[in-house]
Structures are given as structure tokens and as C-alpha cells.
Amino acid sequence: MPVSDLLLQGVQLMAIGMGIVFSFLLLLVGVLVLVRAIGGYFAAEPVDAATFASGANSASEHKLIAVISAAIGQHRAQP
């Protein structure tokens, strides 16, 4: 087999491989855009800073902070 035929086959194989990878990446981008659109549709409304700072759930937040602090303390106490 002459070298030119081998080079031609190599270029064809490279083009097919790059085409497959490019197609897969386009499909991946399309799926990610679709998931983002669906996620935006079902996403909860964002909490504004004033409501968060007012401490509407301060009792449950204090309990959560206490539980997290205890877990960190127990983790640090292990050898």
C-alpha cells in the first residue's frame, strides 16, 4: 500500500473521529441548555436579602447552627 493511501485513510479516520466528538459535544450542550431551562421553570423563587436578614426562621436556624457546630466538634475530636 502506498504512503499516500495510508495518509488518506488516516485523514478520513481523523475527520470521522473529530466529527463524532463534535456531534457529541453539540448534543451535550443541547441537553445542558434543556436541563437549565427545565430547572429554571421548576426552581423556587429566590429569597430576598431583607427576608433572610429579618430572622423569620431564627429558632430553626439556631438549632441548625447548633447541630452543625456539634458535628464539627465531634469530627475534630476524633483521632
Protein backbone atom coordinates (compact mmCIF):
# COMPACT_ATOMS: atom_id res chain seq x y z
CA MET A 1 0.00 0.00 0.00
CA PRO A 2 1.47 3.36 -0.96
CA VAL A 3 2.07 6.00 1.66
CA SER A 4 -0.46 8.38 0.06
CA ASP A 5 -3.26 5.83 0.55
CA LEU A 6 -2.30 5.40 4.19
CA LEU A 7 -2.26 9.17 4.70
CA LEU A 8 -5.67 9.49 3.04
CA GLN A 9 -7.11 6.77 5.29
CA GLY A 10 -5.57 8.48 8.31
CA VAL A 11 -7.12 11.81 7.39
CA GLN A 12 -10.50 10.16 6.80
CA LEU A 13 -10.33 8.40 10.17
CA MET A 14 -9.35 11.66 11.85
CA ALA A 15 -12.24 13.52 10.22
CA ILE A 16 -14.74 10.84 11.26
CA GLY A 17 -13.44 10.82 14.83
CA MET A 18 -13.48 14.60 15.13
CA GLY A 19 -16.98 14.69 13.64
CA ILE A 20 -18.25 12.18 16.19
CA VAL A 21 -16.67 14.08 19.09
CA PHE A 22 -18.02 17.41 17.80
CA SER A 23 -21.50 15.93 17.39
CA PHE A 24 -21.41 14.52 20.91
CA LEU A 25 -20.32 17.87 22.34
CA LEU A 26 -23.13 19.65 20.49
CA LEU A 27 -25.60 17.12 21.86
CA LEU A 28 -24.20 17.60 25.36
CA VAL A 29 -24.54 21.39 25.13
CA GLY A 30 -28.11 20.99 23.89
CA VAL A 31 -29.01 18.68 26.77
CA LEU A 32 -27.44 21.07 29.30
CA VAL A 33 -29.39 24.02 27.88
CA LEU A 34 -32.58 21.96 28.05
CA VAL A 35 -31.92 20.90 31.65
CA ARG A 36 -31.18 24.51 32.59
CA ALA A 37 -34.47 25.66 31.05
CA ILE A 38 -36.43 22.92 32.81
CA GLY A 39 -34.65 23.63 36.09
CA GLY A 40 -35.41 27.33 35.78
CA TYR A 41 -39.06 26.52 35.26
CA PHE A 42 -39.31 24.39 38.40
CA ALA A 43 -36.92 26.44 40.56
CA ALA A 44 -38.18 28.01 43.74
CA GLU A 45 -38.47 31.74 43.97
CA PRO A 46 -35.28 33.37 45.26
CA VAL A 47 -35.31 34.69 48.81
CA ASP A 48 -34.56 38.38 49.05
CA ALA A 49 -31.93 39.61 51.49
CA ALA A 50 -34.40 41.56 53.65
CA THR A 51 -36.48 38.48 54.43
CA PHE A 52 -33.40 36.41 55.11
CA ALA A 53 -31.84 39.04 57.38
CA SER A 54 -35.07 39.57 59.36
CA GLY A 55 -34.63 36.18 61.02
CA ALA A 56 -38.07 34.82 60.24
CA ASN A 57 -36.80 31.28 60.95
CA SER A 58 -34.32 32.23 63.63
CA ALA A 59 -35.27 29.39 66.01
CA SER A 60 -34.78 26.68 63.41
CA GLU A 61 -31.62 28.40 62.16
CA HIS A 62 -30.18 28.41 65.70
CA LYS A 63 -30.93 24.70 66.03
CA LEU A 64 -29.27 24.02 62.69
CA ILE A 65 -26.18 26.01 63.69
CA ALA A 66 -26.00 24.09 66.98
CA VAL A 67 -26.24 20.73 65.21
CA ILE A 68 -23.58 21.67 62.66
CA SER A 69 -21.28 23.00 65.38
CA ALA A 70 -21.68 19.80 67.40
CA ALA A 71 -20.92 17.68 64.35
CA ILE A 72 -17.78 19.69 63.58
CA GLY A 73 -16.66 19.45 67.20
CA GLN A 74 -17.18 15.68 67.24
CA HIS A 75 -15.32 15.29 63.96
CA ARG A 76 -12.36 17.32 65.23
CA ALA A 77 -12.26 15.28 68.44
CA GLN A 78 -11.69 12.03 66.53
CA PRO A 79 -8.02 10.98 66.17
